[in-house]
Amino acid sequence: MQKGRGSGLFAFSATGTAPCRRTGRGNAATSAYGPRHRQPASHAQTTARPDTGGHRRWPASSPPSAHARPSCPAAGSCPDTAARRRDADSFPRWRRRAADADRRAAAPRCCSTQPGGRRRPAGETDRPHDRAWRVRQTPSRHRENPQRSTRAHPSSASSVSGHCRCTTRGALSDDSETACPTVSPSTLAHRNVSESPDDAAKPRLNLIGGGRLGRTLARAWHDAGTVDIGAVVCRSSITADAAVAFIGSGKSHTALEGLPPAALWLIATGDGEIASVAGEIAAQGLIRPGDLVFHASGALDSAVLAPLLASGALTGSLHPALSFADPSRALGQLAGTPCALDGDAAALPMLEALAHAFGGKPFTLAAGGKAAYHAAMVMGSNYLVALTALAQQLAGQAGIAPGMALTVLGPLMWQTLANALELGPAAALTGPIARGDAGTVARHLAVLDNAVIQDAYLALGRATVPLAQLNDTQRQELAALLNA
């Protein structure tokens, strides 16, 4: 190997063993003639500047100025080498340093390399002065042609986010198929393309009926970024303004005339008004073919929206199995709520997407099954409230204050409901009927002086007997008491 000026640890080697990465011929200079003439790791560990007689030296990991004479046999045909030779002959030293810095900034580098070629330690991030260095040193020719070093890469999904999967040490040639896709921040700043695709336009939702259920659902979809809220229609302007304030978007209206077009229409009025509202918006021509019109009633199915079918609308219903007594409280409980769906085959996927948007768990009802579904929801929720009130009233006969009665009943009711939901009704059943204790049931009936409470006790008792594992004698005794 030919030795250059200097000796010992800082010896400068003028000739290397790596071929020129641009032409593939000869040996590349072991000093840093830009990223395409990088010194191999097996060469001298340190270098010295050739134009100073070897007196000023750097570690090998930091490339010296690029105006040293190349020893590559193909240097005459290598445009980068020729440019550096021309710079070395034509410009003073300070101009040569600036030109060399411009070339290093223009070339794509692995994201693990600091400006100037120093290897960045694992876990180290760009420091503020490094980012400023890149921006200052971006050459003018690169700004004029922003596509120069932003080549597509088969695995360039990480280039926008800034996470590099490249393990190559040093920069790679322009024609390399494994070039690191990451470019410097200055390159990204001058790109003429968007770094992320534009978000698709969100559909507009018009809400008719801004009550507790309607405003809660609209707020949930608005917070999730699923829809843009258009019109919020209520009979009273005060109610409409309050709904808009709760939702955080939309424009209040008190009539159906002059509403803006929308891809989604939610009718959240009372059950008795859904059909008339559907007929009115159909008569006014507000619905376009393909628009989805749905209601949130638990008792009515999508057939109530039949007047809109002539307009080409998709119809359906979405009912969350949740109490909406307090919109703010219900908003925090929507995630994980089962949502009953029915409607056109083309509408069901859209309704499922709307349910998933706020974390709901959609399921589809059988044709004509909406009334039975709603009756089950009423018994499990509304009648549970009524049962609590009856139990509280009955506890009053024992001298227990209303507040204390709820305190006593609460833990028992919570535990019983949890057992029934986890184990199933039959396995969770306890009490006198489960034991076949007809004597206890008779004593209960003897103290029930309220006709409503007595009727409820008898009806629920008759419904409990089939869940219990009893012999024939026990069943006959209980039936005689409960059917009297």
Foldseek 3Di string as FASTA:
>chain_A
DDWAFDDDLATADQWADDAQQVPRDFTWGCAPLELRRHHDPPDRQWYADRVVRRPHIDGSQQGDQNLDQHPGPCLVVDVSSVVSPVCNVPDDPVVSRLVSLQRNLLAFWDLQAFRRRHGHPPPDDDDPVSLVSSQVSHDPVCLVPLCPHQDDAPPCPCQLVQDWPDPDRTAHDPPDNRGINHGHPNSVVSDPDDSDDDDDAAWEEEEEDLDLVRLLLLLLCVVLVRHAYEEYEDLDQVSQVVSCVSSVHYDYDHDPPPGAATLEYEYEDDPVCPLVVLLVCLVVLRYAANREYEYADLADWFVSNVSCVVRNYWYKYKHFLDDRPDSVVVSVVLAATEIEIDTDPVCVVVNCVSSVSNNYHYDYDDVPCSNVRVVVSCCVPVVVVVVLVLQLVVVVVVVADSVVSCVVVVVVVVVLVVCCVVVNDLVSDDDCLLVLNLVVVVVVLVPPPDPVSNLVVLVVQVVCNVSHDDDPVSSVSSCVVSVD
